[in-house]
Amino acid sequence: MKKNLRKTRKKTLKILIVIGLVLIAVLLVVLSVVCVKKIKGMSSSIDLSVGVIDDLKISADGINYGTKLNKDSFNVTTDIYKSRNQLPDVLSRVSTSGGISDGRLDMYYEILEKDGKEYYVSSEKQKDNRCFAKECKDSYYMAFDVFFEASEPESIALTENSYVKQKKDNGLENAIRIGFVVEGTTSSTDKKDIQGLAAGIKAVIWEPNSDVHTKEAKKITEDVYGEDIEDKVISYRGINSEFNKIKIIDRKSSNNFSNISSDIVTKKEFRNKQSLFMIQQGITKVRVYIWFESGDKDSLLEKKATNFDINLEFAKA
């Protein structure tokens, strides 16, 4: 009896050990999946650098000036500057026809849906908000203010050191647009006068990486739009109003879209300065927009894009 009892106990103990090991293995798998998801989430980010040369000076608040700014520089606290700087870690499909309202670029969030073999798009007009990184849950593009200080009028250019790259280089960097809206100049030293400039009426739009298209972009353009983007710089159709569920192929003819040709178009590698805008003597405020343009065929029908490295360097033209 004692021997049988011992055997039973040993057998039970072995079963418990096996069950315990199985549970530990399952727990480790679950934890690894959670960790991977967290790591992937943490990898979603956009690096931003803004700099000047040629004795130019820039600021993120119109008060403190220097030659270098980064993404954190534009996370200006409200007691210093009640800005509407929005700096998300992820960009979503948006578009614009270049219109300006109250000094701000008219931006439209594009909702992409697939029904059977057909793609449909809808649009919702956006407002610039103040948010940073993970706070920007419902902000789909970047928008921030840069201030230039000058002792005399200057023509400002974008240098060849400026670029837009994607860290995994999967082609979505080719659908990025950057817009510049000059909001005005003041000789006042009053913070409210400087930061309150909002008289912009035109956006200068830069299209980087215009000469690069992935195989996937070429195929989607041919299959969905019936077009060829091989070695071409082409105009695109930007959204100009709100609408509901239009076939993506009807983008070509719908009045809800406008033909857009970017003001500045550069190759992935370019060597010459690109003239942008004029600033006057005093302090000039410029609003900068960075977005994932849904009208660009290089958007690959992706709904979101992230992990960009963006560098803007300004110089005297």
Protein backbone atom coordinates (compact mmCIF):
# COMPACT_ATOMS: atom_id res chain seq x y z
CA MET A 1 0.00 0.00 0.00
CA LYS A 2 2.79 2.42 0.98
CA LYS A 3 4.65 1.66 -2.25
CA ASN A 4 1.49 2.27 -4.31
CA LEU A 5 0.89 5.54 -2.43
CA ARG A 6 4.45 6.69 -3.10
CA LYS A 7 4.09 5.80 -6.80
CA THR A 8 0.81 7.72 -6.98
CA ARG A 9 2.37 10.75 -5.29
CA LYS A 10 5.39 10.69 -7.63
CA LYS A 11 3.12 10.35 -10.64
CA THR A 12 0.94 13.24 -9.44
CA LEU A 13 4.04 15.34 -8.77
CA LYS A 14 5.35 14.68 -12.29
CA ILE A 15 1.99 15.65 -13.78
CA LEU A 16 1.95 18.86 -11.74
CA ILE A 17 5.50 19.68 -12.83
CA VAL A 18 4.58 19.12 -16.50
CA ILE A 19 1.46 21.28 -16.12
CA GLY A 20 3.55 23.97 -14.41
CA LEU A 21 6.14 23.94 -17.19
CA VAL A 22 3.40 24.18 -19.83
CA LEU A 23 1.83 27.14 -18.02
CA ILE A 24 5.21 28.87 -17.76
CA ALA A 25 5.83 28.32 -21.48
CA VAL A 26 2.41 29.75 -22.35
CA LEU A 27 3.04 32.75 -20.08
CA LEU A 28 6.41 33.41 -21.74
CA VAL A 29 4.80 33.31 -25.19
CA VAL A 30 2.10 35.77 -24.10
CA LEU A 31 4.66 38.09 -22.55
CA SER A 32 6.85 37.98 -25.65
CA VAL A 33 3.89 38.89 -27.88
CA VAL A 34 2.98 41.80 -25.58
CA CYS A 35 6.59 42.99 -25.53
CA VAL A 36 6.86 42.80 -29.31
CA LYS A 37 3.66 44.83 -29.67
CA LYS A 38 4.97 47.42 -27.23
CA ILE A 39 8.30 47.63 -29.02
CA LYS A 40 6.53 48.05 -32.36
CA GLY A 41 4.38 50.77 -30.90
CA MET A 42 7.40 52.52 -29.44
CA SER A 43 9.17 52.41 -32.82
CA SER A 44 6.50 54.66 -34.35
CA SER A 45 8.11 58.07 -34.36
CA ILE A 46 9.06 61.00 -36.56
CA ASP A 47 12.43 62.70 -36.14
CA LEU A 48 12.41 66.39 -37.06
CA SER A 49 15.31 68.82 -37.36
CA VAL A 50 15.05 72.47 -38.43
CA GLY A 51 18.15 74.59 -38.87
CA VAL A 52 19.52 77.77 -40.48
CA ILE A 53 22.86 78.91 -41.89
CA ASP A 54 24.19 82.20 -43.34
CA ASP A 55 23.75 84.09 -40.04
CA LEU A 56 19.99 83.52 -40.02
CA LYS A 57 18.21 83.06 -36.68
CA ILE A 58 15.12 80.98 -35.93
CA SER A 59 12.84 80.39 -32.99
CA ALA A 60 9.96 78.11 -31.99
CA ASP A 61 8.24 80.76 -29.85
CA GLY A 62 9.30 84.13 -31.32
CA ILE A 63 11.29 84.93 -28.17
CA ASN A 64 14.33 82.66 -27.94
CA TYR A 65 16.47 82.45 -31.07
CA GLY A 66 19.23 80.14 -32.29
CA THR A 67 20.27 78.08 -35.31
CA LYS A 68 18.91 74.60 -34.49
CA LEU A 69 15.49 73.27 -33.49
CA ASN A 70 14.15 69.73 -33.11
CA LYS A 71 10.74 68.17 -32.59
CA ASP A 72 10.82 68.78 -28.84
CA SER A 73 11.50 72.49 -29.47
CA PHE A 74 7.99 72.88 -30.86
CA ASN A 75 6.34 71.36 -27.79
CA VAL A 76 6.00 74.91 -26.48
CA THR A 77 4.26 75.27 -23.13
CA THR A 78 1.08 77.33 -23.18
CA ASP A 79 2.33 79.95 -20.72
CA ILE A 80 5.08 80.86 -23.21
CA TYR A 81 3.08 80.46 -26.40
CA LYS A 82 -0.52 79.38 -26.91
CA SER A 83 0.42 77.65 -30.15
CA ARG A 84 -1.50 75.16 -32.22
CA ASN A 85 1.59 73.08 -32.87
CA GLN A 86 0.63 69.47 -33.53
CA LEU A 87 3.42 66.93 -33.78
CA PRO A 88 2.12 63.36 -34.05
CA ASP A 89 4.33 60.27 -34.25
CA VAL A 90 2.17 58.85 -37.05
CA LEU A 91 0.87 60.53 -40.21
CA SER A 92 -2.44 59.47 -41.76
CA ARG A 93 -3.84 59.98 -45.26
CA VAL A 94 -4.64 63.67 -45.72
CA SER A 95 -4.80 65.97 -48.70
CA THR A 96 -5.12 69.63 -49.61
CA SER A 97 -5.71 71.74 -52.68
CA GLY A 98 -3.56 74.49 -51.16
CA GLY A 99 -6.41 76.70 -49.93
CA ILE A 100 -5.87 78.94 -46.88
CA SER A 101 -8.42 79.87 -44.20
CA ASP A 102 -7.47 82.33 -41.45
CA GLY A 103 -3.79 81.80 -42.17
CA ARG A 104 -4.02 78.01 -41.97
CA LEU A 105 -3.78 75.43 -44.71
CA ASP A 106 -7.06 73.67 -45.53
CA MET A 107 -6.37 70.02 -44.71
CA TYR A 108 -8.71 67.08 -45.33
CA TYR A 109 -8.48 63.67 -43.69
CA GLU A 110 -9.09 60.97 -46.29
CA ILE A 111 -10.94 57.81 -45.25
CA LEU A 112 -10.08 54.90 -47.53
CA GLU A 113 -12.41 51.89 -47.80
CA LYS A 114 -12.48 48.83 -50.01
CA ASP A 115 -15.76 47.25 -51.13
CA GLY A 116 -15.19 44.18 -53.25
CA LYS A 117 -12.66 45.19 -55.87
CA GLU A 118 -13.48 48.90 -55.67
CA TYR A 119 -11.75 51.51 -53.49
CA TYR A 120 -13.79 54.42 -52.10
CA VAL A 121 -12.68 57.62 -50.38
CA SER A 122 -14.42 60.11 -48.10
CA SER A 123 -13.03 63.32 -46.61
CA GLU A 124 -13.34 65.34 -43.40
CA LYS A 125 -11.94 68.87 -43.00
CA GLN A 126 -9.44 69.21 -40.16
CA LYS A 127 -8.45 71.86 -37.63
CA ASP A 128 -4.93 72.42 -36.34
CA ASN A 129 -4.73 71.39 -32.69
CA ARG A 130 -2.11 71.61 -29.99
CA CYS A 131 -0.74 68.13 -29.25
CA PHE A 132 2.54 66.27 -29.01
CA ALA A 133 3.47 62.66 -29.81
CA LYS A 134 1.01 60.20 -28.21
CA GLU A 135 -1.44 63.02 -27.39
CA CYS A 136 -2.16 63.38 -31.11
CA LYS A 137 -4.68 60.56 -31.45
CA ASP A 138 -6.96 62.46 -33.81
CA SER A 139 -4.37 64.73 -35.45
CA TYR A 140 -3.20 63.34 -38.74
CA TYR A 141 -0.46 65.72 -39.94
CA MET A 142 2.27 67.94 -38.51
CA ALA A 143 1.82 71.71 -38.20
CA PHE A 144 4.07 74.13 -36.31
CA ASP A 145 5.32 77.72 -36.29
CA VAL A 146 8.86 78.89 -37.02
CA PHE A 147 9.98 82.48 -36.45
CA PHE A 148 12.78 84.21 -38.40
CA GLU A 149 14.59 87.28 -37.11
CA ALA A 150 16.26 89.53 -39.71
CA SER A 151 17.87 92.97 -39.73
CA GLU A 152 16.99 93.44 -43.41
CA PRO A 153 14.77 91.78 -46.04
CA GLU A 154 16.01 88.34 -47.09
CA SER A 155 15.04 85.74 -49.64
CA ILE A 156 14.90 82.36 -47.88
CA ALA A 157 15.82 79.10 -49.60
CA LEU A 158 15.80 75.41 -48.77
CA THR A 159 19.30 73.94 -48.93
CA GLU A 160 20.43 70.67 -50.48
CA ASN A 161 20.91 69.31 -46.94
CA SER A 162 17.13 69.15 -46.56
CA TYR A 163 15.50 65.76 -46.95
CA VAL A 164 12.63 63.43 -46.09
CA LYS A 165 13.59 59.79 -45.47
CA GLN A 166 11.79 56.79 -44.07
CA LYS A 167 13.91 54.69 -41.74
CA LYS A 168 12.89 51.42 -43.39
CA ASP A 169 12.97 53.07 -46.82
CA ASN A 170 9.77 51.40 -48.04
CA GLY A 171 8.71 54.21 -50.36
CA LEU A 172 6.17 56.11 -48.27
CA GLU A 173 8.63 59.02 -47.97
CA ASN A 174 7.88 59.66 -51.65
CA ALA A 175 4.30 60.71 -50.78
CA ILE A 176 5.29 63.34 -48.17
CA ARG A 177 4.58 67.03 -48.79
CA ILE A 178 5.82 70.03 -46.83
CA GLY A 179 4.04 73.38 -47.01
CA PHE A 180 5.19 76.83 -45.87
CA VAL A 181 2.74 79.64 -45.11
CA VAL A 182 4.24 83.08 -44.38
CA GLU A 183 1.97 84.60 -41.72
CA GLY A 184 3.49 88.11 -41.73
CA THR A 185 6.22 90.27 -40.22
CA THR A 186 6.29 92.65 -37.27
CA SER A 187 8.81 95.09 -35.81
CA SER A 188 7.05 94.89 -32.44
CA THR A 189 8.77 93.34 -29.44
CA ASP A 190 5.44 92.48 -27.83
CA LYS A 191 4.99 88.73 -27.52
CA LYS A 192 1.31 88.88 -28.50
CA ASP A 193 2.06 90.79 -31.70
CA ILE A 194 4.82 88.38 -32.69
CA GLN A 195 3.04 85.14 -31.91
CA GLY A 196 -0.34 86.38 -33.15
CA LEU A 197 0.72 86.85 -36.77
CA ALA A 198 -1.80 84.99 -38.95
CA ALA A 199 -2.14 86.79 -42.28
CA GLY A 200 -0.97 83.98 -44.56
CA ILE A 201 -2.73 83.78 -47.93
CA LYS A 202 -0.60 81.30 -49.90
CA ALA A 203 1.19 78.02 -49.25
CA VAL A 204 4.48 77.14 -50.92
CA ILE A 205 4.42 73.34 -51.29
CA TRP A 206 7.59 71.25 -51.53
CA GLU A 207 7.50 67.77 -53.06
CA PRO A 208 10.68 65.83 -52.19
CA ASN A 209 11.82 62.49 -53.69
CA SER A 210 9.89 63.15 -56.89
CA ASP A 211 12.08 60.89 -59.02
CA VAL A 212 11.68 57.73 -56.94
CA HIS A 213 8.79 55.24 -57.19
CA THR A 214 8.70 51.71 -55.80
CA LYS A 215 7.62 48.69 -57.84
CA GLU A 216 4.52 48.46 -55.67
CA ALA A 217 3.63 52.10 -56.37
CA LYS A 218 3.99 51.54 -60.11
CA LYS A 219 1.80 48.45 -59.99
CA ILE A 220 -0.94 50.06 -57.85
CA THR A 221 -0.96 53.12 -60.12
CA GLU A 222 -1.42 50.92 -63.16
CA ASP A 223 -3.98 48.54 -61.60
CA VAL A 224 -6.12 51.09 -59.70
CA TYR A 225 -5.72 54.30 -61.73
CA GLY A 226 -4.72 52.96 -65.14
CA GLU A 227 -1.72 55.30 -65.20
CA ASP A 228 2.05 54.98 -65.51
CA ILE A 229 4.42 56.85 -63.18
CA GLU A 230 7.63 55.35 -64.53
CA ASP A 231 10.31 58.07 -64.49
CA LYS A 232 7.76 60.86 -64.47
CA VAL A 233 7.03 63.89 -62.29
CA ILE A 234 3.25 64.16 -62.43
CA SER A 235 0.62 66.43 -60.95
CA TYR A 236 -1.91 64.97 -58.56
CA ARG A 237 -5.46 65.61 -57.42
CA GLY A 238 -5.73 67.27 -54.03
CA ILE A 239 -8.93 67.35 -51.96
CA ASN A 240 -10.71 70.73 -51.86
CA SER A 241 -13.91 69.92 -49.90
CA GLU A 242 -15.71 67.44 -47.68
CA PHE A 243 -17.50 64.54 -49.37
CA ASN A 244 -18.74 61.03 -48.74
CA LYS A 245 -17.73 57.82 -50.51
CA ILE A 246 -16.46 58.58 -54.00
CA LYS A 247 -14.81 55.90 -56.10
CA ILE A 248 -11.07 56.47 -55.96
CA ILE A 249 -10.87 56.19 -59.73
CA ASP A 250 -13.28 59.17 -59.97
CA ARG A 251 -10.61 61.32 -58.32
CA LYS A 252 -9.61 62.24 -61.87
CA SER A 253 -12.89 63.99 -62.70
CA SER A 254 -14.69 64.87 -59.43
CA ASN A 255 -15.10 68.55 -58.54
CA ASN A 256 -14.13 67.64 -54.96
CA PHE A 257 -10.51 67.49 -56.15
CA SER A 258 -8.19 70.03 -57.77
CA ASN A 259 -5.14 69.61 -59.97
CA ILE A 260 -2.03 70.27 -57.90
CA SER A 261 1.49 70.90 -59.13
CA SER A 262 3.92 71.42 -56.27
CA ASP A 263 5.74 74.78 -56.20
CA ILE A 264 9.08 73.10 -55.55
CA VAL A 265 9.83 69.62 -56.90
CA THR A 266 13.14 67.99 -56.05
CA LYS A 267 14.77 64.65 -56.69
CA LYS A 268 15.86 62.38 -53.85
CA GLU A 269 19.32 63.90 -54.21
CA PHE A 270 19.44 67.55 -55.29
CA ARG A 271 22.32 70.02 -55.31
CA ASN A 272 20.90 73.49 -55.74
CA LYS A 273 19.13 75.74 -53.23
CA GLN A 274 15.38 76.02 -53.69
CA SER A 275 13.89 79.49 -53.22
CA LEU A 276 10.94 79.48 -50.82
CA PHE A 277 9.76 82.90 -49.66
CA MET A 278 10.76 86.42 -48.63
CA ILE A 279 11.06 87.67 -45.06
CA GLN A 280 11.11 91.36 -44.16
CA GLN A 281 13.08 93.31 -41.58
CA GLY A 282 11.87 92.33 -38.12
CA ILE A 283 10.33 89.04 -37.01
CA THR A 284 8.53 86.85 -39.54
CA LYS A 285 6.28 83.96 -38.60
CA VAL A 286 6.06 80.96 -40.95
CA ARG A 287 3.69 78.06 -40.40
CA VAL A 288 5.04 74.70 -41.59
CA TYR A 289 2.87 71.72 -42.56
CA ILE A 290 4.12 68.16 -43.10
CA TRP A 291 1.67 65.56 -44.37
CA PHE A 292 1.22 62.19 -46.05
CA GLU A 293 -0.46 63.22 -49.31
CA SER A 294 -3.17 60.72 -50.25
CA GLY A 295 -3.36 62.09 -53.79
CA ASP A 296 0.21 60.99 -54.45
CA LYS A 297 0.30 57.55 -56.08
CA ASP A 298 3.33 56.72 -53.89
CA SER A 299 1.00 56.59 -50.87
CA LEU A 300 0.49 52.91 -51.83
CA LEU A 301 -3.12 52.96 -50.51
CA GLU A 302 -1.63 52.89 -47.01
CA LYS A 303 -3.78 54.47 -44.30
CA LYS A 304 -0.89 55.50 -42.05
CA ALA A 305 2.84 56.18 -42.26
CA THR A 306 5.56 56.69 -39.66
CA ASN A 307 9.28 56.36 -38.85
CA PHE A 308 10.36 59.36 -40.92
CA ASP A 309 13.55 61.36 -40.60
CA ILE A 310 12.92 64.94 -41.75
CA ASN A 311 15.54 67.67 -41.99
CA LEU A 312 14.81 71.26 -43.04
CA GLU A 313 17.73 73.63 -43.49
CA PHE A 314 17.14 77.26 -44.48
CA ALA A 315 19.67 79.65 -46.00
CA LYS A 316 19.78 82.99 -47.76
CA ALA A 317 18.88 82.48 -51.42
